[in-house]
Amino acid sequence: MIKKNILFDYLTQIMVIWGIAILSLCLFCVIFGEKAKGYSSIFELGSKGISIATSIQFFCLAAILASLRTLFFTELFIKKLSIMGRTTWMFLCIIISIVIFASAFQWFPVNQVKPWIMFFVCFFICAFVSVIVSVIKEKSDNKKMREALEQLKGEDFHG
């Protein structure tokens, strides 16, 4: 049962990351596609959308990012790091993964400063939103667990 949940959670994370990335890319294509056409492999179709190759590249990146999340937050490998340490290492690994993909697939000219600035601004905005959503979800889950525990404590199990 636990293995099924881990696999389901992992696949869910891949699809969520990939879905958000593809949705974001579609939006960027509509806004910047024609201007970025020829400048980036992501926008090779201009405002018409993204290519299948780009979609598959982002799916593979989503799988890597979900693997990093699993690695750093399911305590499979790293048990001695604090949550802040895990988060820091995870984001560092995510950035390295994205740099590798951006370079390998020519998502943007990696030898120019402006694309990197734009990338890091977008990345940190998305990371900030992600962390906020995660904190809110964790607080909500903890509140539900406390309420359930209080309800169990109030019930009479001997009757």
N, C-alpha and C. Protein backbone atom coordinates (compact mmCIF):
# COMPACT_ATOMS: atom_id res chain seq x y z
N MET A 1 0.83 -1.20 0.00
CA MET A 1 0.00 0.00 0.00
C MET A 1 0.87 1.25 0.00
N ILE A 2 1.92 1.27 0.81
CA ILE A 2 2.79 2.43 0.88
C ILE A 2 3.50 2.64 -0.44
N LYS A 3 3.98 1.56 -1.06
CA LYS A 3 4.67 1.68 -2.35
C LYS A 3 3.74 2.24 -3.41
N LYS A 4 2.48 1.82 -3.40
CA LYS A 4 1.51 2.35 -4.36
C LYS A 4 1.32 3.84 -4.14
N ASN A 5 1.24 4.27 -2.88
CA ASN A 5 1.07 5.68 -2.61
C ASN A 5 2.29 6.48 -3.04
N ILE A 6 3.48 5.96 -2.82
CA ILE A 6 4.69 6.66 -3.23
C ILE A 6 4.73 6.78 -4.75
N LEU A 7 4.43 5.70 -5.45
CA LEU A 7 4.41 5.74 -6.91
C LEU A 7 3.33 6.69 -7.42
N PHE A 8 2.14 6.62 -6.84
CA PHE A 8 1.05 7.51 -7.26
C PHE A 8 1.42 8.97 -6.99
N ASP A 9 1.98 9.24 -5.81
CA ASP A 9 2.40 10.61 -5.49
C ASP A 9 3.47 11.10 -6.47
N TYR A 10 4.41 10.22 -6.79
CA TYR A 10 5.49 10.56 -7.72
C TYR A 10 4.91 10.89 -9.11
N LEU A 11 4.04 10.03 -9.61
CA LEU A 11 3.44 10.27 -10.92
C LEU A 11 2.56 11.53 -10.92
N THR A 12 1.87 11.75 -9.82
CA THR A 12 1.06 12.96 -9.69
C THR A 12 1.94 14.20 -9.74
N GLN A 13 3.06 14.16 -9.02
CA GLN A 13 3.99 15.30 -9.04
C GLN A 13 4.51 15.57 -10.44
N ILE A 14 4.87 14.52 -11.16
CA ILE A 14 5.35 14.70 -12.53
C ILE A 14 4.29 15.41 -13.36
N MET A 15 3.07 14.94 -13.29
CA MET A 15 2.00 15.51 -14.10
C MET A 15 1.67 16.95 -13.69
N VAL A 16 1.72 17.24 -12.41
CA VAL A 16 1.45 18.60 -11.95
C VAL A 16 2.55 19.54 -12.43
N ILE A 17 3.80 19.16 -12.23
CA ILE A 17 4.93 19.99 -12.67
C ILE A 17 4.87 20.19 -14.18
N TRP A 18 4.68 19.10 -14.91
CA TRP A 18 4.65 19.17 -16.36
C TRP A 18 3.47 20.01 -16.84
N GLY A 19 2.31 19.80 -16.26
CA GLY A 19 1.12 20.55 -16.66
C GLY A 19 1.28 22.04 -16.45
N ILE A 20 1.81 22.42 -15.30
CA ILE A 20 2.03 23.84 -15.02
C ILE A 20 3.07 24.42 -15.98
N ALA A 21 4.14 23.65 -16.23
CA ALA A 21 5.18 24.11 -17.16
C ALA A 21 4.62 24.31 -18.56
N ILE A 22 3.86 23.34 -19.05
CA ILE A 22 3.31 23.42 -20.41
C ILE A 22 2.29 24.56 -20.50
N LEU A 23 1.45 24.70 -19.49
CA LEU A 23 0.50 25.81 -19.47
C LEU A 23 1.23 27.16 -19.50
N SER A 24 2.29 27.27 -18.71
CA SER A 24 3.08 28.50 -18.68
C SER A 24 3.73 28.75 -20.04
N LEU A 25 4.28 27.70 -20.64
CA LEU A 25 4.91 27.85 -21.96
C LEU A 25 3.88 28.27 -23.01
N CYS A 26 2.69 27.71 -22.95
CA CYS A 26 1.65 28.11 -23.90
C CYS A 26 1.32 29.60 -23.75
N LEU A 27 1.22 30.04 -22.52
CA LEU A 27 0.95 31.46 -22.26
C LEU A 27 2.10 32.32 -22.79
N PHE A 28 3.35 31.90 -22.51
CA PHE A 28 4.51 32.65 -23.00
C PHE A 28 4.55 32.66 -24.52
N CYS A 29 4.14 31.56 -25.15
CA CYS A 29 4.12 31.50 -26.62
C CYS A 29 3.15 32.54 -27.18
N VAL A 30 1.99 32.64 -26.56
CA VAL A 30 1.01 33.61 -27.03
C VAL A 30 1.55 35.04 -26.86
N ILE A 31 2.20 35.30 -25.74
CA ILE A 31 2.67 36.66 -25.45
C ILE A 31 3.97 36.99 -26.19
N PHE A 32 4.96 36.08 -26.12
CA PHE A 32 6.29 36.38 -26.64
C PHE A 32 6.70 35.55 -27.85
N GLY A 33 5.87 34.61 -28.27
CA GLY A 33 6.25 33.63 -29.27
C GLY A 33 6.86 34.17 -30.54
N GLU A 34 6.21 35.15 -31.16
CA GLU A 34 6.71 35.67 -32.43
C GLU A 34 8.03 36.42 -32.24
N LYS A 35 8.16 37.14 -31.14
CA LYS A 35 9.40 37.88 -30.88
C LYS A 35 10.56 36.94 -30.56
N ALA A 36 10.24 35.82 -29.91
CA ALA A 36 11.30 34.88 -29.48
C ALA A 36 11.59 33.81 -30.52
N LYS A 37 10.80 33.75 -31.58
CA LYS A 37 10.99 32.76 -32.63
C LYS A 37 12.40 32.93 -33.21
N GLY A 38 13.14 31.86 -33.29
CA GLY A 38 14.51 31.92 -33.79
C GLY A 38 15.53 32.25 -32.71
N TYR A 39 15.05 32.71 -31.57
CA TYR A 39 15.93 33.06 -30.45
C TYR A 39 16.03 31.91 -29.47
N SER A 40 14.99 31.10 -29.43
CA SER A 40 14.89 30.01 -28.46
C SER A 40 14.22 28.81 -29.11
N SER A 41 14.71 27.62 -28.80
CA SER A 41 14.07 26.41 -29.35
C SER A 41 12.66 26.22 -28.78
N ILE A 42 12.42 26.77 -27.62
CA ILE A 42 11.08 26.66 -27.02
C ILE A 42 10.05 27.35 -27.90
N PHE A 43 10.45 28.46 -28.51
CA PHE A 43 9.52 29.27 -29.29
C PHE A 43 9.70 29.10 -30.80
N GLU A 44 10.19 27.93 -31.22
CA GLU A 44 10.44 27.72 -32.65
C GLU A 44 9.16 27.77 -33.48
N LEU A 45 8.01 27.55 -32.89
CA LEU A 45 6.74 27.64 -33.61
C LEU A 45 6.09 29.01 -33.45
N GLY A 46 6.80 29.92 -32.80
CA GLY A 46 6.25 31.26 -32.58
C GLY A 46 5.05 31.22 -31.65
N SER A 47 4.03 31.97 -32.02
CA SER A 47 2.83 32.05 -31.18
C SER A 47 1.87 30.89 -31.43
N LYS A 48 2.24 29.96 -32.30
CA LYS A 48 1.39 28.81 -32.61
C LYS A 48 1.45 27.72 -31.54
N GLY A 49 2.42 27.79 -30.63
CA GLY A 49 2.50 26.80 -29.56
C GLY A 49 3.91 26.26 -29.40
N ILE A 50 4.00 25.12 -28.74
CA ILE A 50 5.31 24.51 -28.51
C ILE A 50 5.39 23.19 -29.28
N SER A 51 6.60 22.82 -29.62
CA SER A 51 6.79 21.58 -30.37
C SER A 51 6.66 20.36 -29.47
N ILE A 52 6.46 19.21 -30.08
CA ILE A 52 6.42 17.96 -29.33
C ILE A 52 7.76 17.72 -28.65
N ALA A 53 8.86 18.04 -29.35
CA ALA A 53 10.20 17.86 -28.76
C ALA A 53 10.32 18.66 -27.47
N THR A 54 9.87 19.91 -27.49
CA THR A 54 9.94 20.75 -26.28
C THR A 54 9.04 20.18 -25.19
N SER A 55 7.87 19.70 -25.56
CA SER A 55 6.95 19.11 -24.59
C SER A 55 7.58 17.89 -23.92
N ILE A 56 8.23 17.04 -24.70
CA ILE A 56 8.90 15.86 -24.15
C ILE A 56 10.08 16.25 -23.26
N GLN A 57 10.84 17.27 -23.68
CA GLN A 57 11.95 17.76 -22.86
C GLN A 57 11.44 18.22 -21.50
N PHE A 58 10.34 18.95 -21.49
CA PHE A 58 9.79 19.42 -20.22
C PHE A 58 9.20 18.28 -19.40
N PHE A 59 8.67 17.25 -20.07
CA PHE A 59 8.20 16.08 -19.34
C PHE A 59 9.37 15.39 -18.63
N CYS A 60 10.48 15.23 -19.34
CA CYS A 60 11.67 14.61 -18.73
C CYS A 60 12.19 15.45 -17.57
N LEU A 61 12.19 16.76 -17.75
CA LEU A 61 12.62 17.65 -16.66
C LEU A 61 11.66 17.52 -15.48
N ALA A 62 10.36 17.43 -15.75
CA ALA A 62 9.37 17.26 -14.67
C ALA A 62 9.64 15.97 -13.90
N ALA A 63 10.00 14.91 -14.60
CA ALA A 63 10.31 13.64 -13.93
C ALA A 63 11.55 13.79 -13.04
N ILE A 64 12.54 14.52 -13.51
CA ILE A 64 13.74 14.76 -12.70
C ILE A 64 13.39 15.60 -11.48
N LEU A 65 12.59 16.64 -11.68
CA LEU A 65 12.22 17.50 -10.55
C LEU A 65 11.38 16.74 -9.52
N ALA A 66 10.48 15.90 -9.98
CA ALA A 66 9.69 15.08 -9.06
C ALA A 66 10.60 14.10 -8.31
N SER A 67 11.61 13.58 -9.00
CA SER A 67 12.58 12.68 -8.36
C SER A 67 13.37 13.42 -7.29
N LEU A 68 13.74 14.65 -7.58
CA LEU A 68 14.47 15.45 -6.58
C LEU A 68 13.60 15.71 -5.36
N ARG A 69 12.33 16.01 -5.61
CA ARG A 69 11.41 16.24 -4.48
C ARG A 69 11.30 14.97 -3.64
N THR A 70 11.15 13.83 -4.31
CA THR A 70 11.07 12.55 -3.60
C THR A 70 12.34 12.30 -2.81
N LEU A 71 13.46 12.54 -3.44
CA LEU A 71 14.75 12.32 -2.79
C LEU A 71 14.90 13.17 -1.54
N PHE A 72 14.55 14.43 -1.64
CA PHE A 72 14.80 15.35 -0.53
C PHE A 72 13.68 15.41 0.50
N PHE A 73 12.48 14.90 0.18
CA PHE A 73 11.39 15.07 1.13
C PHE A 73 10.69 13.79 1.57
N THR A 74 11.15 12.64 1.15
CA THR A 74 10.54 11.42 1.67
C THR A 74 11.50 10.70 2.62
N GLU A 75 12.59 11.32 2.93
CA GLU A 75 13.59 10.80 3.85
C GLU A 75 14.15 9.45 3.41
N LEU A 76 14.13 9.19 2.11
CA LEU A 76 14.71 7.95 1.62
C LEU A 76 16.24 7.99 1.75
N PHE A 77 16.82 9.13 1.47
CA PHE A 77 18.27 9.23 1.47
C PHE A 77 18.82 10.24 2.46
N ILE A 78 18.16 11.37 2.57
CA ILE A 78 18.71 12.45 3.38
C ILE A 78 17.88 12.60 4.65
N LYS A 79 18.38 12.07 5.75
CA LYS A 79 17.62 12.09 7.00
C LYS A 79 18.15 13.12 7.98
N LYS A 80 19.37 13.59 7.79
CA LYS A 80 19.98 14.45 8.79
C LYS A 80 19.85 15.94 8.48
N LEU A 81 19.34 16.29 7.32
CA LEU A 81 19.20 17.70 6.96
C LEU A 81 17.88 18.26 7.48
N SER A 82 17.90 19.53 7.86
CA SER A 82 16.68 20.21 8.25
C SER A 82 15.82 20.45 7.01
N ILE A 83 14.58 20.84 7.23
CA ILE A 83 13.70 21.15 6.11
C ILE A 83 14.31 22.28 5.26
N MET A 84 14.87 23.28 5.90
CA MET A 84 15.50 24.38 5.17
C MET A 84 16.69 23.86 4.36
N GLY A 85 17.48 22.98 4.93
CA GLY A 85 18.62 22.40 4.22
C GLY A 85 18.17 21.58 3.02
N ARG A 86 17.13 20.77 3.24
CA ARG A 86 16.60 19.96 2.14
C ARG A 86 16.07 20.84 1.02
N THR A 87 15.33 21.88 1.39
CA THR A 87 14.76 22.79 0.41
C THR A 87 15.87 23.49 -0.38
N THR A 88 16.89 23.94 0.33
CA THR A 88 18.00 24.63 -0.33
C THR A 88 18.70 23.70 -1.32
N TRP A 89 19.03 22.50 -0.89
CA TRP A 89 19.69 21.53 -1.77
C TRP A 89 18.80 21.15 -2.94
N MET A 90 17.51 20.99 -2.67
CA MET A 90 16.59 20.64 -3.75
C MET A 90 16.55 21.74 -4.80
N PHE A 91 16.43 23.00 -4.38
CA PHE A 91 16.38 24.10 -5.34
C PHE A 91 17.70 24.24 -6.08
N LEU A 92 18.81 23.99 -5.42
CA LEU A 92 20.11 24.03 -6.09
C LEU A 92 20.17 22.95 -7.18
N CYS A 93 19.72 21.75 -6.85
CA CYS A 93 19.70 20.66 -7.84
C CYS A 93 18.73 20.96 -8.98
N ILE A 94 17.61 21.59 -8.67
CA ILE A 94 16.65 21.97 -9.70
C ILE A 94 17.29 22.97 -10.66
N ILE A 95 17.95 23.97 -10.12
CA ILE A 95 18.61 24.97 -10.96
C ILE A 95 19.66 24.31 -11.85
N ILE A 96 20.45 23.43 -11.28
CA ILE A 96 21.48 22.72 -12.07
C ILE A 96 20.82 21.91 -13.19
N SER A 97 19.73 21.22 -12.87
CA SER A 97 19.01 20.43 -13.88
C SER A 97 18.50 21.32 -15.01
N ILE A 98 17.92 22.45 -14.65
CA ILE A 98 17.39 23.36 -15.66
C ILE A 98 18.51 23.95 -16.50
N VAL A 99 19.64 24.28 -15.88
CA VAL A 99 20.79 24.80 -16.63
C VAL A 99 21.26 23.76 -17.65
N ILE A 100 21.32 22.51 -17.23
CA ILE A 100 21.73 21.44 -18.14
C ILE A 100 20.75 21.32 -19.31
N PHE A 101 19.45 21.32 -19.01
CA PHE A 101 18.45 21.23 -20.07
C PHE A 101 18.49 22.45 -20.98
N ALA A 102 18.59 23.64 -20.40
CA ALA A 102 18.63 24.87 -21.20
C ALA A 102 19.82 24.85 -22.15
N SER A 103 20.94 24.37 -21.68
CA SER A 103 22.14 24.29 -22.52
C SER A 103 22.01 23.19 -23.57
N ALA A 104 21.60 22.03 -23.16
CA ALA A 104 21.53 20.88 -24.07
C ALA A 104 20.50 21.08 -25.18
N PHE A 105 19.37 21.69 -24.85
CA PHE A 105 18.29 21.82 -25.82
C PHE A 105 18.14 23.24 -26.37
N GLN A 106 19.10 24.10 -26.06
CA GLN A 106 19.13 25.47 -26.57
C GLN A 106 17.81 26.21 -26.32
N TRP A 107 17.33 26.09 -25.08
CA TRP A 107 16.10 26.79 -24.74
C TRP A 107 16.25 28.28 -24.87
N PHE A 108 17.43 28.78 -24.60
CA PHE A 108 17.76 30.18 -24.81
C PHE A 108 19.27 30.29 -24.91
N PRO A 109 19.77 31.40 -25.46
CA PRO A 109 21.23 31.54 -25.58
C PRO A 109 21.88 31.61 -24.19
N VAL A 110 22.57 30.55 -23.82
CA VAL A 110 23.13 30.45 -22.47
C VAL A 110 24.35 31.35 -22.28
N ASN A 111 24.86 31.91 -23.34
CA ASN A 111 26.03 32.80 -23.23
C ASN A 111 25.63 34.26 -23.12
N GLN A 112 24.34 34.54 -22.98
CA GLN A 112 23.85 35.91 -22.83
C GLN A 112 23.27 36.11 -21.43
N VAL A 113 23.45 37.30 -20.91
CA VAL A 113 23.04 37.59 -19.53
C VAL A 113 21.52 37.77 -19.42
N LYS A 114 20.91 38.48 -20.35
CA LYS A 114 19.48 38.80 -20.25
C LYS A 114 18.60 37.55 -20.10
N PRO A 115 18.81 36.50 -20.91
CA PRO A 115 17.96 35.31 -20.72
C PRO A 115 18.12 34.68 -19.34
N TRP A 116 19.33 34.70 -18.80
CA TRP A 116 19.55 34.13 -17.46
C TRP A 116 18.85 34.96 -16.39
N ILE A 117 18.90 36.28 -16.54
CA ILE A 117 18.19 37.14 -15.58
C ILE A 117 16.69 36.85 -15.64
N MET A 118 16.16 36.77 -16.85
CA MET A 118 14.73 36.48 -17.01
C MET A 118 14.40 35.10 -16.44
N PHE A 119 15.27 34.13 -16.70
CA PHE A 119 15.06 32.79 -16.16
C PHE A 119 15.02 32.81 -14.64
N PHE A 120 16.02 33.44 -14.01
CA PHE A 120 16.07 33.43 -12.56
C PHE A 120 14.91 34.21 -11.93
N VAL A 121 14.49 35.30 -12.56
CA VAL A 121 13.33 36.03 -12.06
C VAL A 121 12.10 35.12 -12.09
N CYS A 122 11.86 34.48 -13.25
CA CYS A 122 10.72 33.57 -13.37
C CYS A 122 10.84 32.41 -12.39
N PHE A 123 12.04 31.84 -12.30
CA PHE A 123 12.25 30.69 -11.41
C PHE A 123 11.96 31.06 -9.96
N PHE A 124 12.50 32.20 -9.50
CA PHE A 124 12.32 32.55 -8.10
C PHE A 124 10.88 32.96 -7.79
N ILE A 125 10.19 33.54 -8.75
CA ILE A 125 8.77 33.84 -8.54
C ILE A 125 7.99 32.53 -8.40
N CYS A 126 8.25 31.59 -9.32
CA CYS A 126 7.57 30.28 -9.26
C CYS A 126 7.94 29.52 -7.99
N ALA A 127 9.22 29.57 -7.61
CA ALA A 127 9.67 28.88 -6.40
C ALA A 127 9.00 29.49 -5.17
N PHE A 128 8.91 30.81 -5.13
CA PHE A 128 8.28 31.50 -4.00
C PHE A 128 6.82 31.09 -3.88
N VAL A 129 6.10 31.11 -5.00
CA VAL A 129 4.69 30.71 -5.00
C VAL A 129 4.56 29.25 -4.57
N SER A 130 5.44 28.41 -5.08
CA SER A 130 5.42 26.99 -4.73
C SER A 130 5.63 26.77 -3.23
N VAL A 131 6.58 27.48 -2.67
CA VAL A 131 6.85 27.34 -1.24
C VAL A 131 5.65 27.83 -0.42
N ILE A 132 5.07 28.94 -0.82
CA ILE A 132 3.90 29.47 -0.10
C ILE A 132 2.75 28.47 -0.16
N VAL A 133 2.47 27.93 -1.33
CA VAL A 133 1.39 26.94 -1.47
C VAL A 133 1.69 25.71 -0.62
N SER A 134 2.94 25.25 -0.63
CA SER A 134 3.33 24.08 0.17
C SER A 134 3.14 24.33 1.66
N VAL A 135 3.52 25.51 2.12
CA VAL A 135 3.37 25.85 3.54
C VAL A 135 1.90 25.90 3.92
N ILE A 136 1.09 26.52 3.07
CA ILE A 136 -0.36 26.59 3.34
C ILE A 136 -0.96 25.19 3.38
N LYS A 137 -0.58 24.35 2.41
CA LYS A 137 -1.10 22.97 2.38
C LYS A 137 -0.66 22.19 3.62
N GLU A 138 0.61 22.34 4.01
CA GLU A 138 1.11 21.63 5.19
C GLU A 138 0.39 22.08 6.45
N LYS A 139 0.16 23.38 6.59
CA LYS A 139 -0.57 23.88 7.76
C LYS A 139 -2.00 23.35 7.78
N SER A 140 -2.62 23.30 6.60
CA SER A 140 -3.98 22.78 6.51
C SER A 140 -4.01 21.30 6.88
N ASP A 141 -3.06 20.53 6.34
CA ASP A 141 -2.99 19.10 6.66
C ASP A 141 -2.73 18.89 8.15
N ASN A 142 -1.83 19.67 8.73
CA ASN A 142 -1.54 19.55 10.16
C ASN A 142 -2.77 19.88 11.01
N LYS A 143 -3.51 20.89 10.59
CA LYS A 143 -4.73 21.27 11.33
C LYS A 143 -5.74 20.13 11.27
N LYS A 144 -5.91 19.52 10.10
CA LYS A 144 -6.84 18.40 9.96
C LYS A 144 -6.40 17.22 10.83
N MET A 145 -5.10 16.96 10.87
CA MET A 145 -4.58 15.86 11.69
C MET A 145 -4.81 16.14 13.17
N ARG A 146 -4.57 17.39 13.60
CA ARG A 146 -4.81 17.76 15.02
C ARG A 146 -6.28 17.59 15.37
N GLU A 147 -7.16 18.04 14.47
CA GLU A 147 -8.59 17.92 14.73
C GLU A 147 -9.01 16.46 14.80
N ALA A 148 -8.48 15.64 13.92
CA ALA A 148 -8.81 14.21 13.93
C ALA A 148 -8.28 13.55 15.20
N LEU A 149 -7.09 13.93 15.64
CA LEU A 149 -6.52 13.39 16.86
C LEU A 149 -7.35 13.80 18.07
N GLU A 150 -7.77 15.05 18.10
CA GLU A 150 -8.62 15.52 19.21
C GLU A 150 -9.94 14.77 19.22
N GLN A 151 -10.49 14.50 18.05
CA GLN A 151 -11.74 13.76 17.96
C GLN A 151 -11.55 12.33 18.47
N LEU A 152 -10.42 11.72 18.09
CA LEU A 152 -10.14 10.36 18.58
C LEU A 152 -9.95 10.34 20.07
N LYS A 153 -9.29 11.35 20.63
CA LYS A 153 -9.08 11.42 22.08
C LYS A 153 -10.40 11.57 22.82
N GLY A 154 -11.37 12.23 22.17
CA GLY A 154 -12.65 12.47 22.81
C GLY A 154 -13.59 11.28 22.76
N GLU A 155 -13.32 10.35 21.87
CA GLU A 155 -14.20 9.18 21.73
C GLU A 155 -13.87 8.16 22.81
N ASP A 156 -14.89 7.40 23.19
CA ASP A 156 -14.69 6.36 24.17
C ASP A 156 -14.45 5.02 23.46
N PHE A 157 -13.22 4.52 23.51
CA PHE A 157 -12.88 3.29 22.82
C PHE A 157 -13.23 2.05 23.66
N HIS A 158 -13.55 2.25 24.89
CA HIS A 158 -13.80 1.10 25.77
C HIS A 158 -15.29 0.74 25.85
N GLY A 159 -16.13 1.57 25.27
CA GLY A 159 -17.55 1.38 25.43
C GLY A 159 -18.08 0.44 24.48
